[in-house]
N, C-alpha and C. Protein backbone atom coordinates (compact mmCIF):
# COMPACT_ATOMS: atom_id res chain seq x y z
N MET A 1 80.54 107.11 104.23
CA MET A 1 81.74 106.30 104.42
C MET A 1 82.88 106.93 103.62
N PRO A 2 84.03 107.14 104.25
CA PRO A 2 85.17 107.73 103.53
C PRO A 2 85.58 106.86 102.33
N THR A 3 86.12 107.49 101.31
CA THR A 3 86.48 106.79 100.06
C THR A 3 87.41 105.61 100.31
N ARG A 4 88.45 105.80 101.12
CA ARG A 4 89.42 104.72 101.34
C ARG A 4 88.76 103.52 102.01
N GLN A 5 87.91 103.78 102.98
CA GLN A 5 87.21 102.69 103.66
C GLN A 5 86.26 101.99 102.69
N ARG A 6 85.56 102.77 101.89
CA ARG A 6 84.63 102.18 100.91
C ARG A 6 85.40 101.32 99.91
N LEU A 7 86.56 101.78 99.47
CA LEU A 7 87.37 100.98 98.55
C LEU A 7 87.77 99.64 99.17
N LYS A 8 88.17 99.67 100.43
CA LYS A 8 88.58 98.43 101.11
C LYS A 8 87.40 97.47 101.22
N VAL A 9 86.23 97.98 101.58
CA VAL A 9 85.02 97.15 101.69
C VAL A 9 84.71 96.53 100.32
N LEU A 10 84.77 97.35 99.27
CA LEU A 10 84.49 96.85 97.93
C LEU A 10 85.52 95.82 97.47
N LEU A 11 86.80 96.08 97.73
CA LEU A 11 87.83 95.11 97.35
C LEU A 11 87.58 93.76 98.02
N ILE A 12 87.28 93.79 99.30
CA ILE A 12 87.05 92.55 100.04
C ILE A 12 85.82 91.81 99.51
N SER A 13 84.74 92.54 99.28
CA SER A 13 83.52 91.86 98.83
C SER A 13 83.60 91.43 97.36
N GLU A 14 84.11 92.30 96.49
CA GLU A 14 84.15 91.98 95.06
C GLU A 14 85.15 90.87 94.74
N LEU A 15 86.27 90.85 95.46
CA LEU A 15 87.31 89.85 95.18
C LEU A 15 87.26 88.67 96.14
N MET A 16 86.27 88.70 97.04
CA MET A 16 86.10 87.64 98.03
C MET A 16 87.39 87.37 98.80
N LEU A 17 88.02 88.46 99.27
CA LEU A 17 89.26 88.35 100.02
C LEU A 17 88.97 87.90 101.44
N ASP A 18 89.80 87.04 101.94
CA ASP A 18 89.65 86.53 103.30
C ASP A 18 90.44 87.43 104.25
N MET A 19 90.00 88.67 104.38
CA MET A 19 90.67 89.62 105.26
C MET A 19 89.67 90.69 105.69
N LYS A 20 90.09 91.48 106.65
CA LYS A 20 89.25 92.57 107.15
C LYS A 20 89.80 93.90 106.65
N GLU A 21 88.94 94.94 106.68
CA GLU A 21 89.34 96.27 106.20
C GLU A 21 90.64 96.75 106.84
N ASP A 22 90.75 96.57 108.17
CA ASP A 22 91.93 97.10 108.86
C ASP A 22 93.22 96.34 108.54
N GLU A 23 93.11 95.24 107.80
CA GLU A 23 94.30 94.49 107.39
C GLU A 23 94.87 95.03 106.08
N ILE A 24 94.14 95.93 105.43
CA ILE A 24 94.62 96.53 104.18
C ILE A 24 95.06 97.96 104.50
N GLY A 25 96.35 98.19 104.49
CA GLY A 25 96.86 99.53 104.74
C GLY A 25 96.60 100.43 103.53
N ASP A 26 96.45 101.72 103.77
CA ASP A 26 96.18 102.65 102.67
C ASP A 26 97.30 102.64 101.63
N ASP A 27 98.54 102.41 102.06
CA ASP A 27 99.67 102.40 101.13
C ASP A 27 100.18 101.00 100.80
N THR A 28 99.51 99.97 101.28
CA THR A 28 99.93 98.59 100.99
C THR A 28 99.73 98.31 99.50
N PRO A 29 100.77 97.82 98.82
CA PRO A 29 100.60 97.48 97.40
C PRO A 29 99.49 96.43 97.24
N LEU A 30 98.66 96.61 96.23
CA LEU A 30 97.57 95.65 96.01
C LEU A 30 98.06 94.40 95.29
N PHE A 31 99.13 94.55 94.49
CA PHE A 31 99.60 93.44 93.67
C PHE A 31 100.97 92.97 94.12
N GLY A 32 101.22 91.69 93.92
CA GLY A 32 102.53 91.12 94.22
C GLY A 32 102.66 90.62 95.64
N PRO A 33 103.74 89.86 95.89
CA PRO A 33 103.95 89.22 97.18
C PRO A 33 104.19 90.20 98.34
N ALA A 34 104.65 91.41 98.03
CA ALA A 34 104.90 92.39 99.10
C ALA A 34 103.60 93.06 99.56
N GLY A 35 102.54 92.85 98.80
CA GLY A 35 101.26 93.47 99.13
C GLY A 35 100.22 92.44 99.51
N ILE A 36 98.98 92.68 99.05
CA ILE A 36 97.93 91.71 99.39
C ILE A 36 97.81 90.60 98.35
N GLY A 37 98.66 90.65 97.32
CA GLY A 37 98.81 89.52 96.42
C GLY A 37 97.78 89.39 95.30
N LEU A 38 97.19 90.50 94.87
CA LEU A 38 96.26 90.42 93.75
C LEU A 38 97.02 90.09 92.47
N ASP A 39 96.29 89.53 91.48
CA ASP A 39 96.93 89.19 90.20
C ASP A 39 96.21 89.90 89.05
N SER A 40 96.57 89.57 87.82
CA SER A 40 96.03 90.28 86.66
C SER A 40 94.52 90.07 86.49
N VAL A 41 94.01 88.92 86.85
CA VAL A 41 92.56 88.69 86.80
C VAL A 41 91.86 89.60 87.80
N ASP A 42 92.45 89.71 88.99
CA ASP A 42 91.90 90.62 90.01
C ASP A 42 91.92 92.05 89.49
N ALA A 43 92.96 92.42 88.76
CA ALA A 43 93.08 93.80 88.25
C ALA A 43 91.88 94.16 87.38
N LEU A 44 91.47 93.23 86.53
CA LEU A 44 90.30 93.48 85.68
C LEU A 44 89.06 93.69 86.53
N GLN A 45 88.89 92.87 87.55
CA GLN A 45 87.74 93.02 88.44
C GLN A 45 87.77 94.36 89.17
N VAL A 46 88.95 94.79 89.59
CA VAL A 46 89.08 96.06 90.29
C VAL A 46 88.73 97.22 89.35
N VAL A 47 89.20 97.17 88.10
CA VAL A 47 88.89 98.21 87.13
C VAL A 47 87.38 98.31 86.94
N VAL A 48 86.71 97.17 86.77
CA VAL A 48 85.26 97.15 86.60
C VAL A 48 84.56 97.68 87.86
N MET A 49 85.04 97.27 89.01
CA MET A 49 84.46 97.72 90.29
C MET A 49 84.54 99.24 90.43
N ILE A 50 85.69 99.81 90.08
CA ILE A 50 85.87 101.26 90.20
C ILE A 50 84.95 101.99 89.21
N GLU A 51 84.86 101.45 88.01
CA GLU A 51 83.99 102.09 87.01
C GLU A 51 82.52 102.01 87.44
N LYS A 52 82.11 100.86 87.93
CA LYS A 52 80.72 100.65 88.33
C LYS A 52 80.34 101.49 89.54
N ASN A 53 81.21 101.55 90.53
CA ASN A 53 80.88 102.21 91.80
C ASN A 53 81.22 103.70 91.84
N PHE A 54 82.19 104.12 91.03
CA PHE A 54 82.64 105.51 91.10
C PHE A 54 82.56 106.24 89.76
N GLY A 55 82.24 105.52 88.68
CA GLY A 55 82.16 106.14 87.36
C GLY A 55 83.51 106.58 86.82
N PHE A 56 84.59 105.98 87.33
CA PHE A 56 85.95 106.34 86.91
C PHE A 56 86.44 105.34 85.87
N LYS A 57 86.81 105.84 84.69
CA LYS A 57 87.32 104.97 83.63
C LYS A 57 88.82 105.15 83.48
N MET A 58 89.51 104.04 83.36
CA MET A 58 90.96 104.08 83.13
C MET A 58 91.20 104.42 81.66
N ALA A 59 92.09 105.37 81.41
CA ALA A 59 92.37 105.78 80.04
C ALA A 59 93.19 104.72 79.28
N ASP A 60 94.14 104.10 79.98
CA ASP A 60 95.01 103.12 79.34
C ASP A 60 95.70 102.27 80.40
N GLN A 61 96.49 101.33 79.93
CA GLN A 61 97.17 100.40 80.85
C GLN A 61 98.16 101.10 81.75
N GLU A 62 98.85 102.12 81.23
CA GLU A 62 99.82 102.85 82.06
C GLU A 62 99.12 103.56 83.21
N GLN A 63 97.99 104.19 82.92
CA GLN A 63 97.24 104.86 83.98
C GLN A 63 96.77 103.82 85.00
N ALA A 64 96.29 102.69 84.52
CA ALA A 64 95.81 101.63 85.42
C ALA A 64 96.93 101.17 86.35
N LYS A 65 98.15 101.02 85.82
CA LYS A 65 99.29 100.60 86.66
C LYS A 65 99.53 101.60 87.78
N ARG A 66 99.49 102.89 87.44
CA ARG A 66 99.71 103.93 88.46
C ARG A 66 98.57 103.97 89.47
N VAL A 67 97.34 103.98 88.98
CA VAL A 67 96.18 104.15 89.84
C VAL A 67 95.96 102.94 90.74
N LEU A 68 96.17 101.74 90.24
CA LEU A 68 95.85 100.53 90.99
C LEU A 68 96.95 100.07 91.93
N HIS A 69 97.91 100.93 92.21
CA HIS A 69 99.02 100.54 93.09
C HIS A 69 98.55 100.26 94.51
N SER A 70 97.72 101.13 95.07
CA SER A 70 97.28 100.98 96.47
C SER A 70 95.92 101.65 96.65
N VAL A 71 95.34 101.47 97.81
CA VAL A 71 94.07 102.14 98.13
C VAL A 71 94.25 103.66 98.02
N ASN A 72 95.38 104.17 98.50
CA ASN A 72 95.65 105.62 98.43
C ASN A 72 95.69 106.12 97.00
N THR A 73 96.37 105.40 96.11
CA THR A 73 96.49 105.88 94.73
C THR A 73 95.13 105.85 94.02
N ILE A 74 94.31 104.86 94.33
CA ILE A 74 92.96 104.82 93.75
C ILE A 74 92.14 105.99 94.28
N ALA A 75 92.16 106.20 95.59
CA ALA A 75 91.39 107.28 96.21
C ALA A 75 91.83 108.64 95.66
N GLU A 76 93.14 108.84 95.48
CA GLU A 76 93.64 110.11 94.95
C GLU A 76 93.15 110.36 93.53
N ALA A 77 93.12 109.30 92.71
CA ALA A 77 92.62 109.44 91.33
C ALA A 77 91.13 109.79 91.33
N LEU A 78 90.38 109.17 92.24
CA LEU A 78 88.95 109.45 92.33
C LEU A 78 88.72 110.89 92.80
N GLU A 79 89.53 111.34 93.76
CA GLU A 79 89.39 112.70 94.27
C GLU A 79 89.74 113.74 93.21
N LYS A 80 90.77 113.45 92.39
CA LYS A 80 91.15 114.36 91.30
C LYS A 80 90.01 114.48 90.29
N GLN A 81 89.39 113.35 89.97
CA GLN A 81 88.28 113.34 89.01
C GLN A 81 87.11 114.17 89.56
N ALA A 82 86.85 114.07 90.84
CA ALA A 82 85.72 114.77 91.45
C ALA A 82 85.96 116.26 91.56
N ALA A 83 87.23 116.67 91.56
CA ALA A 83 87.57 118.10 91.75
C ALA A 83 87.23 118.93 90.52
């Protein structure tokens, strides 16, 4: 399964989102009203999910803000780590 698709599946299952994979665009912001509306509690769950499933650890809050912007930004960070 491609990384972006796997991320969407994990986001939906881990956060119990009432949506389907194809409703989450690769560049759709994950947080705030313009995106899918995740909040700070969700952010912690997403960080744990990424660490558990991909072995990727966030260095600090600034990195987390950049990486957790969208499915694309998470996938790009994971791909950089794997390279």
